[in-house]
PDB file of all heavy atoms in Angstrom:
ATOM      1  N   TYR A   1      -5.579 -17.766   4.257  1.00  0.00           N
ATOM      2  CA  TYR A   1      -4.689 -16.609   4.360  1.00  0.00           C
ATOM      3  C   TYR A   1      -4.237 -16.105   2.991  1.00  0.00           C
ATOM      4  O   TYR A   1      -4.138 -14.893   2.761  1.00  0.00           O
ATOM      5  CB  TYR A   1      -3.460 -16.958   5.199  1.00  0.00           C
ATOM      6  CG  TYR A   1      -3.727 -17.116   6.676  1.00  0.00           C
ATOM      7  CD1 TYR A   1      -3.616 -18.356   7.302  1.00  0.00           C
ATOM      8  CD2 TYR A   1      -4.083 -16.013   7.467  1.00  0.00           C
ATOM      9  CE1 TYR A   1      -3.857 -18.500   8.656  1.00  0.00           C
ATOM     10  CE2 TYR A   1      -4.319 -16.148   8.825  1.00  0.00           C
ATOM     11  CZ  TYR A   1      -4.207 -17.394   9.420  1.00  0.00           C
ATOM     12  OH  TYR A   1      -4.435 -17.533  10.772  1.00  0.00           O
ATOM     13  N   GLU A   2      -3.939 -17.042   2.077  1.00  0.00           N
ATOM     14  CA  GLU A   2      -3.474 -16.623   0.749  1.00  0.00           C
ATOM     15  C   GLU A   2      -4.551 -15.803   0.035  1.00  0.00           C
ATOM     16  O   GLU A   2      -4.253 -14.780  -0.597  1.00  0.00           O
ATOM     17  CB  GLU A   2      -3.090 -17.845  -0.094  1.00  0.00           C
ATOM     18  CG  GLU A   2      -1.830 -18.562   0.358  1.00  0.00           C
ATOM     19  CD  GLU A   2      -2.086 -19.527   1.509  1.00  0.00           C
ATOM     20  OE1 GLU A   2      -3.266 -19.664   1.920  1.00  0.00           O
ATOM     21  OE2 GLU A   2      -1.123 -20.141   1.992  1.00  0.00           O
ATOM     22  N   ALA A   3      -5.793 -16.248   0.149  1.00  0.00           N
ATOM     23  CA  ALA A   3      -6.892 -15.499  -0.475  1.00  0.00           C
ATOM     24  C   ALA A   3      -7.053 -14.129   0.177  1.00  0.00           C
ATOM     25  O   ALA A   3      -7.306 -13.122  -0.506  1.00  0.00           O
ATOM     26  CB  ALA A   3      -8.195 -16.296  -0.371  1.00  0.00           C
ATOM     27  N   TRP A   4      -6.921 -14.079   1.505  1.00  0.00           N
ATOM     28  CA  TRP A   4      -7.013 -12.801   2.203  1.00  0.00           C
ATOM     29  C   TRP A   4      -5.923 -11.852   1.738  1.00  0.00           C
ATOM     30  O   TRP A   4      -6.157 -10.650   1.548  1.00  0.00           O
ATOM     31  CB  TRP A   4      -6.916 -13.011   3.710  1.00  0.00           C
ATOM     32  CG  TRP A   4      -8.128 -13.635   4.320  1.00  0.00           C
ATOM     33  CD1 TRP A   4      -9.321 -13.878   3.707  1.00  0.00           C
ATOM     34  CD2 TRP A   4      -8.279 -14.078   5.666  1.00  0.00           C
ATOM     35  NE1 TRP A   4     -10.199 -14.465   4.590  1.00  0.00           N
ATOM     36  CE2 TRP A   4      -9.599 -14.599   5.795  1.00  0.00           C
ATOM     37  CE3 TRP A   4      -7.447 -14.108   6.764  1.00  0.00           C
ATOM     38  CZ2 TRP A   4     -10.075 -15.126   6.993  1.00  0.00           C
ATOM     39  CZ3 TRP A   4      -7.917 -14.628   7.968  1.00  0.00           C
ATOM     40  CH2 TRP A   4      -9.217 -15.131   8.068  1.00  0.00           C
ATOM     41  N   ALA A   5      -4.704 -12.378   1.573  1.00  0.00           N
ATOM     42  CA  ALA A   5      -3.587 -11.537   1.125  1.00  0.00           C
ATOM     43  C   ALA A   5      -3.880 -10.953  -0.250  1.00  0.00           C
ATOM     44  O   ALA A   5      -3.571  -9.782  -0.524  1.00  0.00           O
ATOM     45  CB  ALA A   5      -2.296 -12.350   1.103  1.00  0.00           C
ATOM     46  N   GLU A   6      -4.496 -11.747  -1.126  1.00  0.00           N
ATOM     47  CA  GLU A   6      -4.853 -11.255  -2.449  1.00  0.00           C
ATOM     48  C   GLU A   6      -5.909 -10.159  -2.357  1.00  0.00           C
ATOM     49  O   GLU A   6      -5.845  -9.151  -3.072  1.00  0.00           O
ATOM     50  CB  GLU A   6      -5.373 -12.403  -3.318  1.00  0.00           C
ATOM     51  CG  GLU A   6      -4.335 -13.464  -3.658  1.00  0.00           C
ATOM     52  CD  GLU A   6      -3.209 -12.914  -4.511  1.00  0.00           C
ATOM     53  OE1 GLU A   6      -3.448 -11.958  -5.280  1.00  0.00           O
ATOM     54  OE2 GLU A   6      -2.083 -13.444  -4.405  1.00  0.00           O
ATOM     55  N   VAL A   7      -6.881 -10.341  -1.484  1.00  0.00           N
ATOM     56  CA  VAL A   7      -7.936  -9.342  -1.299  1.00  0.00           C
ATOM     57  C   VAL A   7      -7.349  -8.039  -0.769  1.00  0.00           C
ATOM     58  O   VAL A   7      -7.680  -6.941  -1.240  1.00  0.00           O
ATOM     59  CB  VAL A   7      -9.026  -9.875  -0.346  1.00  0.00           C
ATOM     60  CG1 VAL A   7      -9.986  -8.751   0.053  1.00  0.00           C
ATOM     61  CG2 VAL A   7      -9.798 -11.008  -1.002  1.00  0.00           C
ATOM     62  N   VAL A   8      -6.472  -8.153   0.221  1.00  0.00           N
ATOM     63  CA  VAL A   8      -5.838  -6.958   0.796  1.00  0.00           C
ATOM     64  C   VAL A   8      -5.026  -6.235  -0.263  1.00  0.00           C
ATOM     65  O   VAL A   8      -5.114  -5.008  -0.418  1.00  0.00           O
ATOM     66  CB  VAL A   8      -4.948  -7.347   1.990  1.00  0.00           C
ATOM     67  CG1 VAL A   8      -4.108  -6.155   2.444  1.00  0.00           C
ATOM     68  CG2 VAL A   8      -5.799  -7.860   3.156  1.00  0.00           C
ATOM     69  N   ASP A   9      -4.220  -6.978  -0.997  1.00  0.00           N
ATOM     70  CA  ASP A   9      -3.373  -6.389  -2.033  1.00  0.00           C
ATOM     71  C   ASP A   9      -4.232  -5.673  -3.081  1.00  0.00           C
ATOM     72  O   ASP A   9      -3.930  -4.542  -3.494  1.00  0.00           O
ATOM     73  CB  ASP A   9      -2.541  -7.492  -2.683  1.00  0.00           C
ATOM     74  CG  ASP A   9      -1.548  -6.959  -3.704  1.00  0.00           C
ATOM     75  OD1 ASP A   9      -0.922  -5.910  -3.434  1.00  0.00           O
ATOM     76  OD2 ASP A   9      -1.397  -7.586  -4.768  1.00  0.00           O
ATOM     77  N   ALA A  10      -5.314  -6.314  -3.509  1.00  0.00           N
ATOM     78  CA  ALA A  10      -6.192  -5.709  -4.514  1.00  0.00           C
ATOM     79  C   ALA A  10      -6.866  -4.450  -3.974  1.00  0.00           C
ATOM     80  O   ALA A  10      -7.015  -3.450  -4.698  1.00  0.00           O
ATOM     81  CB  ALA A  10      -7.242  -6.724  -4.960  1.00  0.00           C
ATOM     82  N   ALA A  11      -7.282  -4.468  -2.707  1.00  0.00           N
ATOM     83  CA  ALA A  11      -7.952  -3.307  -2.113  1.00  0.00           C
ATOM     84  C   ALA A  11      -7.002  -2.121  -2.004  1.00  0.00           C
ATOM     85  O   ALA A  11      -7.384  -0.975  -2.275  1.00  0.00           O
ATOM     86  CB  ALA A  11      -8.505  -3.671  -0.741  1.00  0.00           C
ATOM     87  N   ILE A  12      -5.764  -2.405  -1.608  1.00  0.00           N
ATOM     88  CA  ILE A  12      -4.780  -1.326  -1.506  1.00  0.00           C
ATOM     89  C   ILE A  12      -4.525  -0.709  -2.879  1.00  0.00           C
ATOM     90  O   ILE A  12      -4.512   0.513  -3.037  1.00  0.00           O
ATOM     91  CB  ILE A  12      -3.469  -1.852  -0.892  1.00  0.00           C
ATOM     92  CG1 ILE A  12      -3.689  -2.220   0.586  1.00  0.00           C
ATOM     93  CG2 ILE A  12      -2.353  -0.812  -1.007  1.00  0.00           C
ATOM     94  CD1 ILE A  12      -2.506  -2.901   1.236  1.00  0.00           C
ATOM     95  N   LYS A  13      -4.348  -1.552  -3.874  1.00  0.00           N
ATOM     96  CA  LYS A  13      -4.087  -1.040  -5.218  1.00  0.00           C
ATOM     97  C   LYS A  13      -5.295  -0.291  -5.791  1.00  0.00           C
ATOM     98  O   LYS A  13      -5.136   0.670  -6.556  1.00  0.00           O
ATOM     99  CB  LYS A  13      -3.707  -2.199  -6.133  1.00  0.00           C
ATOM    100  CG  LYS A  13      -2.333  -2.784  -5.812  1.00  0.00           C
ATOM    101  CD  LYS A  13      -2.024  -3.997  -6.671  1.00  0.00           C
ATOM    102  CE  LYS A  13      -0.620  -4.520  -6.360  1.00  0.00           C
ATOM    103  NZ  LYS A  13      -0.312  -5.771  -7.111  1.00  0.00           N
ATOM    104  N   ARG A  14      -6.483  -0.704  -5.398  1.00  0.00           N
ATOM    105  CA  ARG A  14      -7.684  -0.058  -5.927  1.00  0.00           C
ATOM    106  C   ARG A  14      -7.983   1.269  -5.245  1.00  0.00           C
ATOM    107  O   ARG A  14      -8.342   2.253  -5.918  1.00  0.00           O
ATOM    108  CB  ARG A  14      -8.882  -0.992  -5.774  1.00  0.00           C
ATOM    109  CG  ARG A  14     -10.191  -0.368  -6.252  1.00  0.00           C
ATOM    110  CD  ARG A  14     -11.362  -1.319  -6.067  1.00  0.00           C
ATOM    111  NE  ARG A  14     -12.611  -0.716  -6.507  1.00  0.00           N
ATOM    112  CZ  ARG A  14     -13.802  -1.289  -6.392  1.00  0.00           C
ATOM    113  NH1 ARG A  14     -13.903  -2.502  -5.860  1.00  0.00           N
ATOM    114  NH2 ARG A  14     -14.889  -0.674  -6.809  1.00  0.00           N
ATOM    115  N   TYR A  15      -7.828   1.312  -3.913  1.00  0.00           N
ATOM    116  CA  TYR A  15      -8.327   2.461  -3.167  1.00  0.00           C
ATOM    117  C   TYR A  15      -7.252   3.439  -2.698  1.00  0.00           C
ATOM    118  O   TYR A  15      -7.563   4.596  -2.417  1.00  0.00           O
ATOM    119  CB  TYR A  15      -9.123   1.988  -1.947  1.00  0.00           C
ATOM    120  CG  TYR A  15     -10.463   1.406  -2.301  1.00  0.00           C
ATOM    121  CD1 TYR A  15     -10.692   0.040  -2.200  1.00  0.00           C
ATOM    122  CD2 TYR A  15     -11.499   2.220  -2.748  1.00  0.00           C
ATOM    123  CE1 TYR A  15     -11.932  -0.504  -2.522  1.00  0.00           C
ATOM    124  CE2 TYR A  15     -12.735   1.687  -3.081  1.00  0.00           C
ATOM    125  CZ  TYR A  15     -12.948   0.324  -2.962  1.00  0.00           C
ATOM    126  OH  TYR A  15     -14.164  -0.203  -3.296  1.00  0.00           O
ATOM    127  N   MET A  16      -6.012   3.006  -2.568  1.00  0.00           N
ATOM    128  CA  MET A  16      -5.004   3.918  -2.043  1.00  0.00           C
ATOM    129  C   MET A  16      -4.678   5.002  -3.061  1.00  0.00           C
ATOM    130  O   MET A  16      -4.450   4.727  -4.237  1.00  0.00           O
ATOM    131  CB  MET A  16      -3.718   3.179  -1.662  1.00  0.00           C
ATOM    132  CG  MET A  16      -2.658   4.117  -1.073  1.00  0.00           C
ATOM    133  SD  MET A  16      -1.088   3.296  -0.739  1.00  0.00           S
ATOM    134  CE  MET A  16      -1.563   2.259   0.644  1.00  0.00           C
ATOM    135  N   VAL A  17      -4.651   6.238  -2.590  1.00  0.00           N
ATOM    136  CA  VAL A  17      -4.250   7.373  -3.418  1.00  0.00           C
ATOM    137  C   VAL A  17      -2.813   7.709  -3.057  1.00  0.00           C
ATOM    138  O   VAL A  17      -2.530   8.186  -1.962  1.00  0.00           O
ATOM    139  CB  VAL A  17      -5.169   8.590  -3.179  1.00  0.00           C
ATOM    140  CG1 VAL A  17      -4.718   9.761  -4.036  1.00  0.00           C
ATOM    141  CG2 VAL A  17      -6.612   8.234  -3.477  1.00  0.00           C
ATOM    142  N   ARG A  18      -1.906   7.439  -3.961  1.00  0.00           N
ATOM    143  CA  ARG A  18      -0.481   7.662  -3.702  1.00  0.00           C
ATOM    144  C   ARG A  18      -0.072   9.044  -4.216  1.00  0.00           C
ATOM    145  O   ARG A  18      -0.306   9.382  -5.370  1.00  0.00           O
ATOM    146  CB  ARG A  18       0.372   6.584  -4.375  1.00  0.00           C
ATOM    147  CG  ARG A  18       0.206   5.201  -3.768  1.00  0.00           C
ATOM    148  CD  ARG A  18       1.126   4.203  -4.455  1.00  0.00           C
ATOM    149  NE  ARG A  18       1.016   2.869  -3.892  1.00  0.00           N
ATOM    150  CZ  ARG A  18       1.731   2.419  -2.872  1.00  0.00           C
ATOM    151  NH1 ARG A  18       2.633   3.217  -2.308  1.00  0.00           N
ATOM    152  NH2 ARG A  18       1.574   1.200  -2.410  1.00  0.00           N
ATOM    153  N   ASP A  19       0.576   9.801  -3.351  1.00  0.00           N
ATOM    154  CA  ASP A  19       1.122  11.084  -3.774  1.00  0.00           C
ATOM    155  C   ASP A  19       2.379  10.858  -4.598  1.00  0.00           C
ATOM    156  O   ASP A  19       3.149   9.922  -4.351  1.00  0.00           O
ATOM    157  CB  ASP A  19       1.462  11.943  -2.551  1.00  0.00           C
ATOM    158  CG  ASP A  19       0.215  12.410  -1.821  1.00  0.00           C
ATOM    159  OD1 ASP A  19      -0.821  12.553  -2.486  1.00  0.00           O
ATOM    160  OD2 ASP A  19       0.289  12.614  -0.600  1.00  0.00           O
ATOM    161  N   ASP A  20       2.583  11.697  -5.563  1.00  0.00           N
ATOM    162  CA  ASP A  20       3.791  11.622  -6.386  1.00  0.00           C
ATOM    163  C   ASP A  20       4.913  12.345  -5.660  1.00  0.00           C
ATOM    164  O   ASP A  20       5.166  13.537  -5.869  1.00  0.00           O
ATOM    165  CB  ASP A  20       3.528  12.252  -7.753  1.00  0.00           C
ATOM    166  CG  ASP A  20       4.720  12.085  -8.694  1.00  0.00           C
ATOM    167  OD1 ASP A  20       5.585  11.245  -8.395  1.00  0.00           O
ATOM    168  OD2 ASP A  20       4.782  12.808  -9.703  1.00  0.00           O
ATOM    169  N   VAL A  21       5.573  11.622  -4.763  1.00  0.00           N
ATOM    170  CA  VAL A  21       6.647  12.218  -3.957  1.00  0.00           C
ATOM    171  C   VAL A  21       7.950  11.501  -4.249  1.00  0.00           C
ATOM    172  O   VAL A  21       7.983  10.331  -4.633  1.00  0.00           O
ATOM    173  CB  VAL A  21       6.328  12.139  -2.445  1.00  0.00           C
ATOM    174  CG1 VAL A  21       5.094  12.953  -2.115  1.00  0.00           C
ATOM    175  CG2 VAL A  21       6.141  10.688  -2.005  1.00  0.00           C
ATOM    176  N   LYS A  22       9.047  12.237  -4.056  1.00  0.00           N
ATOM    177  CA  LYS A  22      10.367  11.662  -4.269  1.00  0.00           C
ATOM    178  C   LYS A  22      11.090  11.417  -2.952  1.00  0.00           C
ATOM    179  O   LYS A  22      12.133  10.777  -2.928  1.00  0.00           O
ATOM    180  CB  LYS A  22      11.194  12.578  -5.164  1.00  0.00           C
ATOM    181  CG  LYS A  22      10.662  12.701  -6.589  1.00  0.00           C
ATOM    182  CD  LYS A  22      11.557  13.564  -7.424  1.00  0.00           C
ATOM    183  CE  LYS A  22      11.183  13.541  -8.904  1.00  0.00           C
ATOM    184  NZ  LYS A  22       9.783  13.515  -9.215  1.00  0.00           N
ATOM    185  N   ASP A  23      10.543  11.949  -1.864  1.00  0.00           N
ATOM    186  CA  ASP A  23      11.160  11.758  -0.560  1.00  0.00           C
ATOM    187  C   ASP A  23      11.116  10.278  -0.182  1.00  0.00           C
ATOM    188  O   ASP A  23      10.043   9.664  -0.136  1.00  0.00           O
ATOM    189  CB  ASP A  23      10.421  12.601   0.491  1.00  0.00           C
ATOM    190  CG  ASP A  23      11.080  12.530   1.851  1.00  0.00           C
ATOM    191  OD1 ASP A  23      10.874  11.523   2.555  1.00  0.00           O
ATOM    192  OD2 ASP A  23      11.802  13.486   2.204  1.00  0.00           O
ATOM    193  N   GLU A  24      12.280   9.701   0.097  1.00  0.00           N
ATOM    194  CA  GLU A  24      12.373   8.264   0.366  1.00  0.00           C
ATOM    195  C   GLU A  24      11.560   7.861   1.590  1.00  0.00           C
ATOM    196  O   GLU A  24      10.921   6.802   1.605  1.00  0.00           O
ATOM    197  CB  GLU A  24      13.839   7.869   0.561  1.00  0.00           C
ATOM    198  CG  GLU A  24      14.091   6.372   0.623  1.00  0.00           C
ATOM    199  CD  GLU A  24      13.787   5.678  -0.686  1.00  0.00           C
ATOM    200  OE1 GLU A  24      13.924   6.300  -1.758  1.00  0.00           O
ATOM    201  OE2 GLU A  24      13.382   4.500  -0.638  1.00  0.00           O
ATOM    202  N   LEU A  25      11.561   8.699   2.619  1.00  0.00           N
ATOM    203  CA  LEU A  25      10.825   8.381   3.841  1.00  0.00           C
ATOM    204  C   LEU A  25       9.324   8.356   3.580  1.00  0.00           C
ATOM    205  O   LEU A  25       8.614   7.450   4.032  1.00  0.00           O
ATOM    206  CB  LEU A  25      11.152   9.391   4.940  1.00  0.00           C
ATOM    207  CG  LEU A  25      10.459   9.162   6.294  1.00  0.00           C
ATOM    208  CD1 LEU A  25      10.797   7.779   6.853  1.00  0.00           C
ATOM    209  CD2 LEU A  25      10.847  10.253   7.284  1.00  0.00           C
ATOM    210  N   LEU A  26       8.822   9.322   2.793  1.00  0.00           N
ATOM    211  CA  LEU A  26       7.399   9.348   2.487  1.00  0.00           C
ATOM    212  C   LEU A  26       6.999   8.176   1.603  1.00  0.00           C
ATOM    213  O   LEU A  26       5.923   7.592   1.779  1.00  0.00           O
ATOM    214  CB  LEU A  26       7.037  10.673   1.812  1.00  0.00           C
ATOM    215  CG  LEU A  26       7.109  11.926   2.684  1.00  0.00           C
ATOM    216  CD1 LEU A  26       6.751  13.157   1.867  1.00  0.00           C
ATOM    217  CD2 LEU A  26       6.205  11.808   3.903  1.00  0.00           C
ATOM    218  N   LEU A  27       7.851   7.801   0.683  1.00  0.00           N
ATOM    219  CA  LEU A  27       7.579   6.633  -0.154  1.00  0.00           C
ATOM    220  C   LEU A  27       7.496   5.363   0.686  1.00  0.00           C
ATOM    221  O   LEU A  27       6.645   4.506   0.460  1.00  0.00           O
ATOM    222  CB  LEU A  27       8.667   6.484  -1.219  1.00  0.00           C
ATOM    223  CG  LEU A  27       8.626   7.494  -2.369  1.00  0.00           C
ATOM    224  CD1 LEU A  27       9.878   7.361  -3.241  1.00  0.00           C
ATOM    225  CD2 LEU A  27       7.376   7.309  -3.209  1.00  0.00           C
ATOM    226  N   GLN A  28       8.374   5.265   1.677  1.00  0.00           N
ATOM    227  CA  GLN A  28       8.353   4.093   2.549  1.00  0.00           C
ATOM    228  C   GLN A  28       7.090   4.065   3.391  1.00  0.00           C
ATOM    229  O   GLN A  28       6.502   2.996   3.600  1.00  0.00           O
ATOM    230  CB  GLN A  28       9.585   4.089   3.460  1.00  0.00           C
ATOM    231  CG  GLN A  28       9.679   2.852   4.337  1.00  0.00           C
ATOM    232  CD  GLN A  28      10.950   2.835   5.170  1.00  0.00           C
ATOM    233  OE1 GLN A  28      11.783   3.728   5.094  1.00  0.00           O
ATOM    234  NE2 GLN A  28      11.087   1.798   5.987  1.00  0.00           N
ATOM    235  N   GLU A  29       6.647   5.224   3.861  1.00  0.00           N
ATOM    236  CA  GLU A  29       5.418   5.288   4.645  1.00  0.00           C
ATOM    237  C   GLU A  29       4.218   4.859   3.801  1.00  0.00           C
ATOM    238  O   GLU A  29       3.348   4.123   4.275  1.00  0.00           O
ATOM    239  CB  GLU A  29       5.218   6.693   5.204  1.00  0.00           C
ATOM    240  CG  GLU A  29       6.181   7.043   6.331  1.00  0.00           C
ATOM    241  CD  GLU A  29       5.861   8.379   6.971  1.00  0.00           C
ATOM    242  OE1 GLU A  29       4.873   9.018   6.558  1.00  0.00           O
ATOM    243  OE2 GLU A  29       6.597   8.783   7.885  1.00  0.00           O
ATOM    244  N   GLN A  30       4.174   5.302   2.559  1.00  0.00           N
ATOM    245  CA  GLN A  30       3.069   4.912   1.686  1.00  0.00           C
ATOM    246  C   GLN A  30       3.050   3.409   1.444  1.00  0.00           C
ATOM    247  O   GLN A  30       1.985   2.814   1.269  1.00  0.00           O
ATOM    248  CB  GLN A  30       3.188   5.645   0.338  1.00  0.00           C
ATOM    249  CG  GLN A  30       2.822   7.107   0.400  1.00  0.00           C
ATOM    250  CD  GLN A  30       2.867   7.760  -0.970  1.00  0.00           C
ATOM    251  OE1 GLN A  30       3.457   7.233  -1.905  1.00  0.00           O
ATOM    252  NE2 GLN A  30       2.243   8.916  -1.091  1.00  0.00           N
ATOM    253  N   ASN A  31       4.217   2.780   1.438  1.00  0.00           N
ATOM    254  CA  ASN A  31       4.304   1.343   1.169  1.00  0.00           C
ATOM    255  C   ASN A  31       4.189   0.503   2.433  1.00  0.00           C
ATOM    256  O   ASN A  31       4.198  -0.726   2.368  1.00  0.00           O
ATOM    257  CB  ASN A  31       5.622   1.020   0.458  1.00  0.00           C
ATOM    258  CG  ASN A  31       5.645  -0.371  -0.142  1.00  0.00           C
ATOM    259  OD1 ASN A  31       4.786  -0.714  -0.954  1.00  0.00           O
ATOM    260  ND2 ASN A  31       6.605  -1.190   0.271  1.00  0.00           N
ATOM    261  N   SER A  32       4.087   1.141   3.588  1.00  0.00           N
ATOM    262  CA  SER A  32       4.018   0.411   4.852  1.00  0.00           C
ATOM    263  C   SER A  32       2.588  -0.049   5.126  1.00  0.00           C
ATOM    264  O   SER A  32       1.634   0.689   4.869  1.00  0.00           O
ATOM    265  CB  SER A  32       4.501   1.288   6.014  1.00  0.00           C
ATOM    266  OG  SER A  32       5.860   1.625   5.855  1.00  0.00           O
ATOM    267  N   VAL A  33       2.468  -1.255   5.661  1.00  0.00           N
ATOM    268  CA  VAL A  33       1.162  -1.807   6.023  1.00  0.00           C
ATOM    269  C   VAL A  33       1.223  -2.304   7.456  1.00  0.00           C
ATOM    270  O   VAL A  33       2.143  -3.042   7.822  1.00  0.00           O
ATOM    271  CB  VAL A  33       0.747  -2.955   5.084  1.00  0.00           C
ATOM    272  CG1 VAL A  33      -0.570  -3.573   5.547  1.00  0.00           C
ATOM    273  CG2 VAL A  33       0.621  -2.463   3.651  1.00  0.00           C
ATOM    274  N   LEU A  34       0.248  -1.910   8.257  1.00  0.00           N
ATOM    275  CA  LEU A  34       0.140  -2.376   9.635  1.00  0.00           C
ATOM    276  C   LEU A  34      -0.864  -3.517   9.706  1.00  0.00           C
ATOM    277  O   LEU A  34      -2.015  -3.357   9.290  1.00  0.00           O
ATOM    278  CB  LEU A  34      -0.312  -1.236  10.544  1.00  0.00           C
ATOM    279  CG  LEU A  34      -0.734  -1.618  11.968  1.00  0.00           C
ATOM    280  CD1 LEU A  34       0.435  -2.234  12.732  1.00  0.00           C
ATOM    281  CD2 LEU A  34      -1.301  -0.408  12.706  1.00  0.00           C
ATOM    282  N   ASP A  35      -0.429  -4.664  10.218  1.00  0.00           N
ATOM    283  CA  ASP A  35      -1.315  -5.795  10.476  1.00  0.00           C
ATOM    284  C   ASP A  35      -1.697  -5.731  11.951  1.00  0.00           C
ATOM    285  O   ASP A  35      -0.898  -6.069  12.828  1.00  0.00           O
ATOM    286  CB  ASP A  35      -0.596  -7.105  10.136  1.00  0.00           C
ATOM    287  CG  ASP A  35      -1.518  -8.312  10.201  1.00  0.00           C
ATOM    288  OD1 ASP A  35      -2.694  -8.147  10.568  1.00  0.00           O
ATOM    289  OD2 ASP A  35      -1.057  -9.431   9.893  1.00  0.00           O
TER     290      ASP A  35
END
């Protein structure tokens, strides 16, 4: 599981395109992960 968590974290950081938004709700949505 620990290795999987590292892979997931790396994939999100590599592939996710984050919009430069200041809206708190949108920032929270971007940081949300569904398992």
